[in-house]
Protein backbone atom coordinates (compact mmCIF):
# COMPACT_ATOMS: atom_id res chain seq x y z
CA MET A 1 0.07 -0.49 -0.25
CA LEU A 2 1.48 3.48 -1.34
CA THR A 3 0.22 6.29 0.97
CA PRO A 4 1.33 9.88 -0.58
CA ASP A 5 1.45 13.68 0.79
CA LEU A 6 0.09 15.37 -2.52
CA PRO A 7 2.32 18.04 -4.04
CA GLY A 8 2.40 21.12 -0.33
CA HIS A 9 0.40 18.67 2.02
CA GLY A 10 1.91 16.53 4.95
CA ARG A 11 5.89 16.62 4.54
CA SER A 12 5.82 17.14 0.24
CA SER A 13 6.93 19.55 -1.11
CA GLY A 14 5.58 21.17 -4.26
CA ARG A 15 3.22 24.18 -2.83
CA SER A 16 3.78 26.28 -5.83
CA LYS A 17 2.07 22.98 -8.21
CA ASP A 18 -1.49 22.96 -9.19
CA LEU A 19 -4.35 21.17 -8.11
CA LYS A 20 -4.95 20.36 -11.52
CA ASP A 21 -1.44 19.04 -12.08
CA TYR A 22 -1.41 17.06 -9.02
CA TRP A 23 -2.63 13.63 -10.59
CA ARG A 24 1.39 13.58 -11.86
CA ALA A 25 2.69 12.94 -8.23
CA ILE A 26 0.85 9.29 -8.66
CA GLU A 27 2.47 8.41 -11.43
CA VAL A 28 6.13 9.76 -10.28
CA MET A 29 5.00 7.58 -7.04
CA LEU A 30 4.09 4.22 -9.00
CA ASP A 31 6.76 4.95 -11.91
CA HIS A 32 9.64 4.99 -8.32
CA ALA A 33 7.96 1.77 -7.34
CA ARG A 34 7.43 0.15 -9.49
CA VAL A 35 3.36 -0.78 -9.84
CA GLU A 36 2.57 -0.16 -13.42
CA ARG A 37 -1.20 -0.90 -12.05
CA ALA A 38 -3.17 -0.11 -9.12
CA VAL A 39 -6.94 0.55 -7.18
CA LEU A 40 -6.93 4.27 -6.02
CA CYS A 41 -8.48 5.24 -3.10
CA GLY A 42 -9.28 9.15 -2.39
CA LEU A 43 -11.32 11.48 -0.26
CA ALA A 44 -12.37 14.31 -1.77
CA ALA A 45 -9.14 16.91 -3.37
CA GLY A 46 -7.55 13.35 -3.03
CA ALA A 47 -10.23 11.94 -5.05
CA SER A 48 -10.36 14.24 -7.30
CA THR A 49 -6.39 13.67 -8.04
CA GLY A 50 -7.70 9.92 -8.34
CA VAL A 51 -10.03 10.78 -10.48
CA ALA A 52 -7.65 12.78 -13.07
CA PHE A 53 -4.84 9.93 -12.49
CA ALA A 54 -7.77 7.32 -14.10
CA ALA A 55 -8.84 9.77 -16.82
CA ARG A 56 -4.99 10.27 -18.15
CA ARG A 57 -3.51 7.22 -17.05
CA PRO A 58 -6.69 4.52 -17.48
CA GLU A 59 -4.10 1.44 -18.56
CA ARG A 60 -2.31 1.76 -15.22
CA VAL A 61 -5.44 1.67 -12.37
CA ALA A 62 -7.53 -1.35 -12.40
CA GLY A 63 -10.00 -0.08 -9.76
CA LEU A 64 -11.03 3.74 -8.51
CA VAL A 65 -12.83 4.15 -4.91
CA ILE A 66 -14.22 7.38 -4.50
CA VAL A 67 -15.09 8.81 -0.67
CA ASN A 68 -17.02 11.58 -0.15
CA ALA A 69 -15.78 13.52 -3.98
CA TYR A 70 -17.43 16.30 -5.78
CA VAL A 71 -16.24 16.72 -9.59
CA HIS A 72 -18.53 19.64 -10.21
CA PHE A 73 -20.46 22.54 -7.14
CA GLU A 74 -23.43 24.53 -8.45
CA PRO A 75 -22.84 28.09 -7.94
CA ASP A 76 -24.31 28.48 -4.73
CA ASP A 77 -22.54 25.44 -2.92
CA GLN A 78 -19.13 27.10 -4.35
CA ALA A 79 -19.17 30.09 -2.64
CA LYS A 80 -20.38 29.10 0.71
CA ARG A 81 -17.03 27.03 0.11
CA LEU A 82 -14.86 29.77 -0.39
CA ALA A 83 -16.42 32.24 2.48
CA LEU A 84 -15.36 28.56 4.48
CA TYR A 85 -11.49 28.85 2.98
CA ASP A 86 -11.64 32.75 3.08
CA VAL A 87 -12.22 32.69 7.05
CA LEU A 88 -8.25 31.43 6.83
CA LEU A 89 -6.56 34.75 5.60
CA GLU A 90 -8.43 36.03 8.00
CA GLU A 91 -6.72 36.46 12.11
CA GLY A 92 -7.38 34.15 14.33
CA GLY A 93 -9.14 32.69 11.19
CA PRO A 94 -7.92 28.57 10.82
CA LYS A 95 -9.58 27.53 14.54
CA ARG A 96 -12.78 28.68 13.42
CA TRP A 97 -12.23 27.52 9.76
CA ALA A 98 -11.01 24.19 11.70
CA ASP A 99 -14.24 24.34 13.59
CA GLN A 100 -17.06 24.98 10.74
CA LEU A 101 -14.97 22.21 8.84
CA LEU A 102 -15.20 20.01 12.01
CA HIS A 103 -19.14 20.84 11.99
CA LEU A 104 -19.87 20.40 7.99
CA MET A 105 -17.73 17.01 8.84
CA HIS A 106 -19.85 15.64 11.08
CA VAL A 107 -17.35 14.21 13.33
CA GLU A 108 -17.24 16.38 16.24
CA GLN A 109 -18.39 13.76 18.36
CA HIS A 110 -15.00 11.67 17.57
CA SER A 111 -12.99 13.33 20.10
CA ALA A 112 -9.68 11.39 18.74
CA ILE A 113 -11.00 12.93 15.17
CA VAL A 114 -11.20 16.53 16.60
CA HIS A 115 -8.18 16.50 18.50
CA GLY A 116 -6.08 15.55 15.51
CA PHE A 117 -7.13 17.43 13.53
CA LEU A 118 -7.38 20.57 16.01
CA ARG A 119 -3.92 19.61 16.15
CA SER A 120 -3.11 19.96 12.55
CA LEU A 121 -3.40 23.31 12.40
CA ASP A 122 0.33 24.39 13.77
CA HIS A 123 1.49 22.89 10.92
CA ILE A 124 -1.12 24.09 8.05
CA ASP A 125 -0.53 27.30 5.32
CA PRO A 126 -3.60 28.73 5.57
CA ALA A 127 -2.45 30.62 1.91
CA HIS A 128 -1.85 27.58 0.79
CA LEU A 129 -5.17 25.90 1.83
CA ASN A 130 -7.33 28.78 0.61
CA ARG A 131 -5.71 28.61 -3.17
CA ILE A 132 -6.03 25.22 -3.57
CA CYS A 133 -9.87 25.92 -2.58
CA HIS A 134 -10.29 28.31 -4.87
CA GLU A 135 -8.30 26.40 -7.99
CA GLN A 136 -11.32 22.90 -7.18
CA MET A 137 -14.46 25.10 -7.07
CA GLY A 138 -13.09 26.42 -10.47
CA TRP A 139 -12.73 22.81 -11.78
CA ASP A 140 -15.62 21.10 -13.92
CA GLN A 141 -14.49 16.89 -13.47
CA ARG A 142 -17.62 15.95 -15.10
CA PRO A 143 -15.61 15.92 -18.74
CA ASP A 144 -12.93 13.59 -16.90
CA LEU A 145 -15.48 10.75 -16.14
CA GLN A 146 -16.14 9.39 -19.37
CA HIS A 147 -13.24 8.09 -19.57
CA ILE A 148 -12.62 6.57 -17.11
CA SER A 149 -14.13 2.57 -17.48
CA CYS A 150 -12.56 0.56 -15.27
CA PRO A 151 -14.64 -0.48 -11.00
CA ALA A 152 -15.30 2.48 -9.16
CA LEU A 153 -16.67 1.82 -6.00
CA VAL A 154 -18.35 5.58 -4.88
CA VAL A 155 -18.62 6.13 -1.17
CA SER A 156 -21.27 8.40 0.89
CA GLY A 157 -21.54 9.32 4.35
CA SER A 158 -25.02 9.69 4.79
CA GLN A 159 -24.58 12.35 8.16
CA ASP A 160 -21.66 14.32 5.99
CA ARG A 161 -22.56 17.89 5.93
CA LEU A 162 -19.99 19.53 3.68
CA VAL A 163 -20.42 17.14 0.22
CA PRO A 164 -23.93 17.62 -0.71
CA ALA A 165 -26.09 14.81 -2.23
CA TYR A 166 -26.19 15.66 -6.38
CA CYS A 167 -22.33 15.53 -5.80
CA VAL A 168 -22.44 12.03 -5.33
CA GLU A 169 -25.16 11.75 -7.83
CA GLU A 170 -23.45 13.57 -10.54
CA ILE A 171 -20.26 10.78 -9.95
CA VAL A 172 -22.42 7.69 -10.01
CA ALA A 173 -24.00 8.29 -12.93
CA GLY A 174 -20.94 9.76 -15.07
CA LEU A 175 -19.01 6.73 -14.60
CA ALA A 176 -19.90 3.49 -16.66
CA ASN A 177 -19.28 0.87 -14.13
CA SER A 178 -19.98 2.17 -10.67
CA ALA A 179 -21.65 1.23 -7.59
CA LEU A 180 -22.28 3.14 -4.31
CA ALA A 181 -22.20 2.66 -0.94
CA VAL A 182 -23.64 4.18 1.73
CA MET A 183 -22.16 4.83 5.31
CA ASP A 184 -23.98 5.86 8.45
CA THR A 185 -20.79 8.22 9.04
CA GLY A 186 -19.58 11.84 8.37
CA HIS A 187 -17.30 12.86 5.86
CA LEU A 188 -14.06 10.87 7.39
CA PRO A 189 -15.77 7.28 6.86
CA TYR A 190 -12.73 5.03 6.77
CA LEU A 191 -12.03 7.14 10.78
CA GLU A 192 -15.58 6.85 11.70
CA ALA A 193 -15.71 3.47 11.12
CA PRO A 194 -13.09 1.51 9.83
CA GLY A 195 -14.36 -1.86 10.21
CA GLU A 196 -17.44 -1.18 8.04
CA PHE A 197 -15.27 0.43 5.56
CA ASN A 198 -12.46 -2.05 4.99
CA ARG A 199 -15.26 -4.58 4.90
CA ILE A 200 -17.06 -2.63 2.10
CA VAL A 201 -14.09 -1.36 0.17
CA GLY A 202 -12.91 -5.69 0.49
CA ASP A 203 -15.68 -6.57 -0.99
CA PHE A 204 -15.60 -4.20 -3.65
CA LEU A 205 -11.71 -5.85 -4.54
CA ASP A 206 -12.68 -9.13 -3.84
CA GLN A 207 -16.15 -8.48 -6.23
CA HIS A 208 -14.30 -7.59 -9.85
CA ARG A 209 -10.44 -10.27 -8.42
CA ILE A 210 -9.01 -6.85 -8.49
């Protein structure tokens, strides 16, 4: 299993990289690890990166697991998301942004998740996160979906307030070979209910023998 920090995130450099080019980091990682073909699993922007890679390098993707993601936002929802991420640039903004985001993700009841998320504020670059959000809101990936033919599992948390329902519906409808799994979680099902999440993904991999 390979778990990359995408450009400008975690321990990776590359904060000047555009979001639309993040998929190239996946290609470099696979080349470095000498992996010809892989199953990609990503949440939100990570899923967007997986979709972009699968659309451009379909021969290298055996399957996709797309978790609480979106490929397009309606204008009203774009405005709300941009307003949330613009809070990052205000004095004391990162903590207010984090509190709002935790609420929208519906994970406040998970103390370990909340604690870890708040601790991460010491290591974020607010301006970088704000820029990436603005890029993402202007990126319509619906055309990418028609270039993806591999099996895809779309996982949605029924309590997630961060991703509108139509976003999940668009992804499922736009993919040629997809299945939808709805979990009774918020935005982070792999942390909120890891056992169930792993079982769902395992069943998907077994079904398609990948």
